[in-house]
Each structure stands twice: as structure tokens, then as C-alpha cells.
């Protein structure tokens, strides 16, 4: 998965299509991400003790990482992500790259 925590992304599918936000959590094993302000659900909590009130809790639920596109920090457009290997002093490093402007991300 090429989306990481802290990336700015645009939602491309679902009820929140078109919204942009920051990735708060990433679950690479499941292929899911939690985006700030997108896929907000409400959970109704029951009363557990006498005298307390019930609550409505809003939270951002995870959704599939294929439904978001990374916003390139250089060209500020939603883009697909490519991978490139860079060699430096005999060491190789994989770097994410923007498919539109060909710049390295990070």
C-alpha cells in the first residue's frame, strides 16, 4: 500500500466523493485508511449505570485505500503513485513518485 499516515488525499468513491483530508491511520494488512472528515459514522452508546445518559459518538470509519488518491505536495493535484529506486553511496532506497510531475514525494 502506497498511502501512509499523514498524507493528504482526495476521496474518489463513495458517499464522501470529492472531499480531501489527512490520513489519520493506515492499515496496510487490510488495505484500509482512515481519512479525517470522511466516512463519518455515528455510534449510539447504551446506558450502563443508573443515572447516566446514553450518548451518540461520531467517528471516522476506515474504508478501502483504493478509494483515495494522494495529493502531490509539489503540483497540488490528485495523482497515482509510482515507485522509483534511488542509489546513494551503494545503498538503494525506494521512493514514492508523482505520476504527473515525476517528482519524489517526501
Protein backbone atom coordinates (compact mmCIF):
# COMPACT_ATOMS: atom_id res chain seq x y z
CA UNK A 1 0.00 0.00 0.00
CA UNK A 2 1.46 3.35 -1.02
CA UNK A 3 -0.70 5.61 1.15
CA UNK A 4 0.81 6.45 4.53
CA UNK A 5 -0.24 8.19 7.72
CA UNK A 6 -0.04 11.98 7.35
CA UNK A 7 -0.62 12.07 3.57
CA UNK A 8 -3.17 14.47 2.12
CA UNK A 9 -5.63 12.55 -0.02
CA UNK A 10 -8.78 13.09 -2.09
CA UNK A 11 -11.67 10.63 -1.82
CA UNK A 12 -12.59 9.31 -5.29
CA UNK A 13 -15.52 6.99 -4.49
CA UNK A 14 -18.36 6.60 -2.03
CA UNK A 15 -20.68 8.99 -0.24
CA UNK A 16 -17.82 11.43 0.51
CA UNK A 17 -16.52 11.62 -3.08
CA UNK A 18 -14.58 14.84 -3.71
CA UNK A 19 -13.62 15.53 -0.09
CA UNK A 20 -9.99 16.00 0.85
CA UNK A 21 -8.38 15.22 4.16
CA UNK A 22 -5.38 13.91 6.01
CA UNK A 23 -4.82 10.20 6.60
CA UNK A 24 -5.14 9.64 10.36
CA UNK A 25 -4.49 5.88 10.33
CA UNK A 26 -3.37 3.34 7.76
CA UNK A 27 -3.93 -0.42 7.94
CA UNK A 28 -1.63 -1.93 5.26
CA UNK A 29 -2.54 -5.54 6.10
CA UNK A 30 -6.22 -4.79 5.47
CA UNK A 31 -5.67 -2.24 2.68
CA UNK A 32 -7.72 0.39 4.52
CA UNK A 33 -7.23 4.00 5.60
CA UNK A 34 -8.99 6.41 7.96
CA UNK A 35 -9.35 9.90 6.47
CA UNK A 36 -10.10 12.94 8.61
CA UNK A 37 -13.63 14.20 7.90
CA UNK A 38 -14.60 11.34 5.57
CA UNK A 39 -16.83 8.30 6.19
CA UNK A 40 -18.14 9.69 9.49
CA UNK A 41 -20.41 7.25 11.32
CA UNK A 42 -22.45 7.64 14.50
CA UNK A 43 -22.49 5.00 17.22
CA UNK A 44 -25.28 5.01 19.82
CA UNK A 45 -23.98 4.03 23.26
CA UNK A 46 -26.40 2.45 25.72
CA UNK A 47 -26.72 3.45 29.36
CA UNK A 48 -24.67 1.09 31.56
CA UNK A 49 -25.23 2.61 35.01
CA UNK A 50 -28.38 4.01 36.50
CA UNK A 51 -28.44 7.80 36.36
CA UNK A 52 -26.18 8.09 33.29
CA UNK A 53 -27.38 9.20 29.89
CA UNK A 54 -26.92 7.49 26.56
CA UNK A 55 -24.54 9.05 24.06
CA UNK A 56 -24.06 9.47 20.34
CA UNK A 57 -20.42 9.13 19.37
CA UNK A 58 -19.21 10.20 15.91
CA UNK A 59 -16.08 8.61 14.48
CA UNK A 60 -14.32 8.25 11.14
CA UNK A 61 -14.53 4.65 9.95
CA UNK A 62 -11.84 3.06 7.77
CA UNK A 63 -12.50 2.45 4.10
CA UNK A 64 -10.63 0.90 1.20
CA UNK A 65 -7.36 2.58 0.22
CA UNK A 66 -8.23 2.18 -3.47
CA UNK A 67 -10.93 4.84 -2.99
CA UNK A 68 -8.42 7.64 -2.33
CA UNK A 69 -5.77 9.39 -4.40
CA UNK A 70 -2.69 11.07 -2.97
CA UNK A 71 -2.46 14.84 -3.47
CA UNK A 72 1.06 15.62 -4.67
CA UNK A 73 2.74 18.24 -2.45
CA UNK A 74 4.63 19.67 -5.46
CA UNK A 75 1.91 20.04 -8.13
CA UNK A 76 -1.09 20.01 -5.70
CA UNK A 77 -3.13 17.62 -7.87
CA UNK A 78 -4.55 14.18 -7.06
CA UNK A 79 -2.28 11.63 -8.66
CA UNK A 80 -1.38 7.99 -8.85
CA UNK A 81 1.80 6.94 -7.08
CA UNK A 82 4.82 5.36 -8.74
CA UNK A 83 7.85 3.78 -7.11
CA UNK A 84 11.45 4.52 -8.05
CA UNK A 85 14.69 3.12 -6.68
CA UNK A 86 17.47 5.58 -5.93
CA UNK A 87 21.06 4.58 -5.38
CA UNK A 88 23.19 6.60 -2.99
CA UNK A 89 26.69 5.50 -1.92
CA UNK A 90 25.98 1.88 -2.75
CA UNK A 91 22.66 1.82 -0.90
CA UNK A 92 19.32 1.53 -2.64
CA UNK A 93 16.19 3.25 -1.42
CA UNK A 94 12.62 3.03 -2.72
CA UNK A 95 10.93 6.41 -3.13
CA UNK A 96 7.31 7.23 -3.98
CA UNK A 97 6.95 9.46 -7.04
CA UNK A 98 4.15 11.53 -8.55
CA UNK A 99 2.98 10.16 -11.92
CA UNK A 100 2.10 13.66 -13.19
CA UNK A 101 5.11 15.81 -12.32
CA UNK A 102 7.63 12.92 -11.83
CA UNK A 103 8.86 14.44 -8.54
CA UNK A 104 9.76 12.37 -5.49
CA UNK A 105 7.27 12.55 -2.61
CA UNK A 106 8.79 13.27 0.84
